[in-house]
Amino acid sequence: MKLSKNQLITLLVFAVLAISSYLFLPMVNKDKKPKPAAMESTAKEATAFDFASYLAKVKTTVTNADTTKLIDQWENSKNYNALTLLFHEKGESVVEAYYTAQAGTAEKSKEKLERAGDLFEATSGISNSDDMKGYLLEKAVESYQNAYNLDSSNINLRMKYAGSLIEQGASPMQGIAMLLDIVKKDPNNADAQLMLGKFAMMSGQFEKAVQRLEKVISLRPQSNDALFLLAMAYENKGDKGKALEILQKCESREKNPELKKEIGSYIERLKKS
C-alpha cells in the first residue's frame, strides 16, 4: 500500500531530520535551544511578518531597563556582534540570526552570513506562524546567497543555498538546477545526491529517488537515513519486499531506541498493508 502525501512528508522529516544530523542543520548551543516564535498562528493574519514589532516584543520580555539601554547603544554604534552574543545567550534565535546577518553583511564575512542562514533555516522549522516562517526562509535564502556571492567555489555553501531556494519555494527549479550541476561535475557528492533523492521523493519521482539513494548508499554504506528513504522509495514503487528487506537492515543498525521503535512500527504496518 502506497503512503499518502502527508505520511510521506512526515516520514521524510523523520528520516532526514530525526535519524541524521542533516546538511542544513546548524550547530546550536545545546544549553540554549531556539525559542519558538512568540506569535500566534497566522490563520487570521493578513499582513507580512513585522520583524520590528517582534524585536520590540522580545526586548520587553528578555531584557531589563539597563540591558535595553545597552541594546540601543549597540544598535546606534552598529555593534552587531555584541547584539548577536546577547540574544544568543537569551536563546532568542530569530533575533540572533538577524544580528548575525547584519554583522556578516557589514564585515563581508562568509562565515557569519552562513551562520545566519543556518539559524534562519533551523528556526523556521519551529515557528508556529506562517508569516514568520515565510520571513525566516526568505532571510535564509538571502543570507546563503550573500555568503555564496563571497565564496562561489564553496560547494557545501552552494548546496545550502540551493536547498534554501527549494524549501522557500519561490525559485525551486533554480535550486534543483544548482544541485544537478554539482552532481554532474561530481557524481560522488553524497550530500547533493541525498538532497536530490529527498526532493525526488517529495515530488513523487520514486524511480529517480531510488537511483539517487542507491548512489548515496554506495558512497556511504552506513547511512541509515539514506537506507530509510530508499525503503520508502521502493514501497512507493510497489516493491514491498525490497522495502521490508531494507527497513529490517535499517532497524538492526539503529542505535537510538526511540527511532528503532519507530522503524519497527513502520515494518509492522508495511507487513499488514
Protein backbone atom coordinates (compact mmCIF):
# COMPACT_ATOMS: atom_id res chain seq x y z
CA MET A 1 0.00 0.00 0.00
CA LYS A 2 1.47 3.39 -1.00
CA LEU A 3 1.86 6.16 1.50
CA SER A 4 -0.34 9.21 1.38
CA LYS A 5 1.30 12.56 0.70
CA ASN A 6 1.04 13.55 4.38
CA GLN A 7 2.50 10.24 5.52
CA LEU A 8 5.33 10.62 3.03
CA ILE A 9 6.21 14.11 4.18
CA THR A 10 6.08 13.03 7.83
CA LEU A 11 8.38 10.10 7.22
CA LEU A 12 10.73 12.23 5.14
CA VAL A 13 11.04 14.64 8.03
CA PHE A 14 11.64 11.68 10.35
CA ALA A 15 14.25 10.21 8.05
CA VAL A 16 16.16 13.34 7.21
CA LEU A 17 15.88 15.29 10.46
CA ALA A 18 15.45 12.67 13.17
CA ILE A 19 17.74 9.87 12.03
CA SER A 20 20.58 12.07 10.78
CA SER A 21 22.24 15.37 11.52
CA TYR A 22 21.49 16.66 8.07
CA LEU A 23 23.44 19.15 5.98
CA PHE A 24 21.34 22.23 6.67
CA LEU A 25 21.17 21.98 10.45
CA PRO A 26 23.40 24.45 12.31
CA MET A 27 25.46 23.75 15.39
CA VAL A 28 23.07 25.01 18.07
CA ASN A 29 24.17 25.70 21.62
CA LYS A 30 22.85 22.64 23.45
CA ASP A 31 22.09 24.65 26.56
CA LYS A 32 20.36 27.43 24.64
CA LYS A 33 17.78 25.87 22.36
CA PRO A 34 15.96 28.18 19.92
CA LYS A 35 12.73 29.50 21.35
CA PRO A 36 9.61 29.18 19.22
CA ALA A 37 8.32 32.45 17.87
CA ALA A 38 6.23 34.42 20.34
CA MET A 39 3.46 34.83 17.80
CA GLU A 40 0.13 33.11 17.31
CA SER A 41 -0.87 31.08 14.27
CA THR A 42 -1.26 33.15 11.12
CA ALA A 43 -4.60 31.67 10.13
CA LYS A 44 -6.15 35.08 10.73
CA GLU A 45 -3.14 37.22 9.86
CA ALA A 46 -3.41 39.21 6.67
CA THR A 47 -0.09 41.08 6.58
CA ALA A 48 3.52 40.03 6.21
CA PHE A 49 5.64 39.35 9.28
CA ASP A 50 6.72 42.55 11.04
CA PHE A 51 10.20 41.93 12.42
CA ALA A 52 10.46 45.38 14.04
CA SER A 53 7.37 44.68 16.15
CA TYR A 54 8.64 41.22 17.01
CA LEU A 55 12.01 42.64 18.10
CA ALA A 56 10.30 45.24 20.28
CA LYS A 57 8.26 42.48 21.93
CA VAL A 58 11.35 40.35 22.53
CA LYS A 59 13.14 43.27 24.15
CA THR A 60 10.34 43.70 26.68
CA THR A 61 10.31 40.00 27.61
CA VAL A 62 14.02 39.14 27.88
CA THR A 63 15.72 42.38 28.99
CA ASN A 64 15.60 44.88 31.83
CA ALA A 65 15.90 48.67 31.54
CA ASP A 66 19.70 48.67 31.72
CA THR A 67 20.01 45.96 29.06
CA THR A 68 17.54 47.75 26.80
CA LYS A 69 19.68 50.88 27.07
CA LEU A 70 22.74 48.82 26.09
CA ILE A 71 20.87 47.36 23.11
CA ASP A 72 20.00 50.87 21.92
CA GLN A 73 23.65 51.93 22.26
CA TRP A 74 24.89 48.88 20.37
CA GLU A 75 22.32 49.40 17.62
CA ASN A 76 23.34 53.05 17.22
CA SER A 77 27.02 52.09 17.02
CA LYS A 78 26.24 49.06 14.82
CA ASN A 79 27.88 46.71 17.31
CA TYR A 80 26.15 43.71 15.79
CA ASN A 81 28.50 41.17 17.37
CA ALA A 82 27.56 42.28 20.88
CA LEU A 83 23.88 42.11 19.95
CA THR A 84 24.35 38.66 18.45
CA LEU A 85 26.02 37.39 21.63
CA LEU A 86 23.36 38.91 23.87
CA PHE A 87 20.42 37.31 22.06
CA HIS A 88 22.32 34.03 21.71
CA GLU A 89 22.66 33.95 25.49
CA LYS A 90 18.94 34.73 25.80
CA GLY A 91 18.10 31.81 23.47
CA GLU A 92 16.32 34.12 21.02
CA SER A 93 17.47 32.56 17.76
CA VAL A 94 15.33 34.71 15.43
CA VAL A 95 16.91 37.90 16.74
CA GLU A 96 20.33 36.27 16.95
CA ALA A 97 20.04 35.28 13.30
CA TYR A 98 19.03 38.81 12.33
CA TYR A 99 22.04 40.43 14.01
CA THR A 100 24.38 37.70 12.77
CA ALA A 101 23.27 38.54 9.22
CA GLN A 102 23.77 42.24 9.94
CA ALA A 103 27.30 41.55 11.19
CA GLY A 104 28.05 39.32 8.23
CA THR A 105 26.88 41.97 5.77
CA ALA A 106 28.81 44.77 7.48
CA GLU A 107 32.01 42.71 7.72
CA LYS A 108 31.55 40.85 4.42
CA SER A 109 32.01 37.67 6.42
CA LYS A 110 31.07 34.48 4.62
CA GLU A 111 31.16 32.56 7.91
CA LYS A 112 28.72 34.87 9.69
CA LEU A 113 26.35 35.03 6.74
CA GLU A 114 26.36 31.24 6.53
CA ARG A 115 25.75 31.00 10.27
CA ALA A 116 22.82 33.42 9.87
CA GLY A 117 21.40 31.25 7.09
CA ASP A 118 21.74 28.17 9.30
CA LEU A 119 19.89 29.91 12.13
CA PHE A 120 17.11 31.24 9.91
CA GLU A 121 16.70 27.79 8.32
CA ALA A 122 16.60 25.92 11.62
CA THR A 123 14.31 28.39 13.39
CA SER A 124 11.82 28.34 10.51
CA GLY A 125 11.16 24.71 11.38
CA ILE A 126 9.88 25.54 14.87
CA SER A 127 7.93 28.68 14.03
CA ASN A 128 4.22 28.49 14.80
CA SER A 129 3.44 31.38 12.45
CA ASP A 130 3.16 31.00 8.70
CA ASP A 131 4.16 34.62 8.16
CA MET A 132 7.21 34.26 10.38
CA LYS A 133 8.18 31.00 8.69
CA GLY A 134 8.00 32.73 5.31
CA TYR A 135 10.14 35.59 6.61
CA LEU A 136 12.74 33.23 8.06
CA LEU A 137 13.01 31.16 4.89
CA GLU A 138 13.33 34.32 2.81
CA LYS A 139 16.12 35.56 5.10
CA ALA A 140 17.82 32.16 4.92
CA VAL A 141 17.90 32.39 1.11
CA GLU A 142 19.21 35.95 1.31
CA SER A 143 21.93 35.04 3.83
CA TYR A 144 23.11 31.97 1.93
CA GLN A 145 23.09 33.89 -1.34
CA ASN A 146 25.19 36.70 0.15
CA ALA A 147 27.61 34.17 1.62
CA TYR A 148 27.80 32.29 -1.68
CA ASN A 149 28.49 35.52 -3.53
CA LEU A 150 31.58 35.91 -1.33
CA ASP A 151 32.78 32.35 -1.98
CA SER A 152 31.18 30.81 -5.06
CA SER A 153 33.70 27.94 -5.04
CA ASN A 154 32.35 26.59 -1.74
CA ILE A 155 30.29 23.51 -2.70
CA ASN A 156 28.83 22.97 0.76
CA LEU A 157 27.61 26.56 0.83
CA ARG A 158 26.21 26.22 -2.68
CA MET A 159 24.19 23.21 -1.56
CA LYS A 160 22.80 25.12 1.40
CA TYR A 161 21.82 27.96 -0.91
CA ALA A 162 20.19 25.52 -3.34
CA GLY A 163 18.31 23.77 -0.56
CA SER A 164 17.01 27.05 0.85
CA LEU A 165 15.71 28.05 -2.59
CA ILE A 166 13.80 24.78 -2.82
CA GLU A 167 12.50 24.99 0.74
CA GLN A 168 11.43 28.62 0.39
CA GLY A 169 9.50 27.73 -2.76
CA ALA A 170 9.89 30.90 -4.83
CA SER A 171 12.61 29.51 -7.13
CA PRO A 172 12.71 25.72 -6.55
CA MET A 173 13.91 24.89 -10.07
CA GLN A 174 16.89 27.19 -9.64
CA GLY A 175 17.85 25.22 -6.56
CA ILE A 176 17.34 21.88 -8.31
CA ALA A 177 19.44 23.09 -11.25
CA MET A 178 22.26 24.02 -8.88
CA LEU A 179 22.21 20.56 -7.30
CA LEU A 180 22.11 18.85 -10.69
CA ASP A 181 25.12 20.89 -11.78
CA ILE A 182 27.00 19.78 -8.65
CA VAL A 183 26.38 16.07 -9.26
CA LYS A 184 27.12 16.46 -12.97
CA LYS A 185 30.58 17.70 -12.08
CA ASP A 186 30.98 15.37 -9.11
CA PRO A 187 28.67 12.31 -9.18
CA ASN A 188 30.22 11.15 -5.91
CA ASN A 189 28.96 14.11 -3.92
CA ALA A 190 26.84 12.13 -1.47
CA ASP A 191 25.20 15.16 0.16
CA ALA A 192 23.96 16.55 -3.16
CA GLN A 193 22.76 13.11 -4.26
CA LEU A 194 20.90 12.69 -0.95
CA MET A 195 19.22 16.08 -1.33
CA LEU A 196 18.15 15.24 -4.88
CA GLY A 197 16.87 11.88 -3.69
CA LYS A 198 14.83 13.55 -0.98
CA PHE A 199 13.27 16.06 -3.37
CA ALA A 200 12.58 13.31 -5.92
CA MET A 201 10.63 11.53 -3.18
CA MET A 202 8.64 14.63 -2.32
CA SER A 203 7.72 15.16 -5.97
CA GLY A 204 6.68 11.54 -6.44
CA GLN A 205 9.58 10.61 -8.75
CA PHE A 206 10.32 7.35 -6.97
CA GLU A 207 12.39 5.74 -9.73
CA LYS A 208 14.74 8.71 -9.73
CA ALA A 209 14.77 8.67 -5.93
CA VAL A 210 15.90 5.03 -5.95
CA GLN A 211 18.75 5.85 -8.33
CA ARG A 212 19.92 8.78 -6.22
CA LEU A 213 19.65 6.95 -2.91
CA GLU A 214 21.34 3.80 -4.19
CA LYS A 215 24.22 6.04 -5.21
CA VAL A 216 24.36 7.58 -1.73
CA ILE A 217 24.47 4.15 -0.11
CA SER A 218 27.26 3.04 -2.45
CA LEU A 219 29.23 6.04 -1.21
CA ARG A 220 28.11 5.82 2.42
CA PRO A 221 27.20 2.20 3.22
CA GLN A 222 26.44 3.07 6.87
CA SER A 223 23.96 5.86 6.05
CA ASN A 224 20.78 4.89 7.87
CA ASP A 225 18.89 7.99 6.70
CA ALA A 226 19.53 7.10 3.05
CA LEU A 227 18.53 3.49 3.73
CA PHE A 228 15.26 4.58 5.29
CA LEU A 229 14.40 6.87 2.39
CA LEU A 230 15.35 4.12 -0.07
CA ALA A 231 12.92 1.75 1.62
CA MET A 232 10.17 4.33 1.25
CA ALA A 233 11.03 4.81 -2.41
CA TYR A 234 10.80 1.08 -3.08
CA GLU A 235 7.49 0.84 -1.24
CA ASN A 236 6.03 3.64 -3.32
CA LYS A 237 7.31 1.94 -6.48
CA GLY A 238 5.29 -1.10 -5.43
CA ASP A 239 8.20 -3.31 -4.32
CA LYS A 240 7.14 -4.03 -0.75
CA GLY A 241 9.52 -6.98 -0.42
CA LYS A 242 12.56 -4.84 -1.16
CA ALA A 243 11.27 -2.11 1.15
CA LEU A 244 10.91 -4.58 4.03
CA GLU A 245 14.37 -6.01 3.41
CA ILE A 246 15.93 -2.55 3.61
CA LEU A 247 13.87 -1.48 6.64
CA GLN A 248 14.89 -4.59 8.57
CA LYS A 249 18.53 -3.79 7.84
CA CYS A 250 17.91 -0.21 8.92
CA GLU A 251 16.26 -1.38 12.14
CA SER A 252 19.10 -3.76 13.01
CA ARG A 253 21.66 -0.95 12.72
CA GLU A 254 19.74 1.79 14.53
CA LYS A 255 21.17 2.56 17.99
CA ASN A 256 18.57 5.08 19.14
CA PRO A 257 15.82 3.10 20.96
CA GLU A 258 13.03 5.52 20.02
CA LEU A 259 13.96 5.58 16.36
CA LYS A 260 14.41 1.82 16.35
CA LYS A 261 10.87 1.51 17.71
CA GLU A 262 9.51 3.83 15.01
CA ILE A 263 11.20 1.81 12.27
CA GLY A 264 9.82 -1.39 13.80
CA SER A 265 6.32 0.09 13.76
CA TYR A 266 6.74 1.06 10.12
CA ILE A 267 7.80 -2.52 9.31
CA GLU A 268 4.71 -3.92 11.01
CA ARG A 269 2.42 -1.51 9.20
CA LEU A 270 4.03 -2.45 5.91
CA LYS A 271 3.62 -6.16 6.58
CA LYS A 272 -0.08 -5.70 7.28
CA SER A 273 -0.78 -3.49 4.27
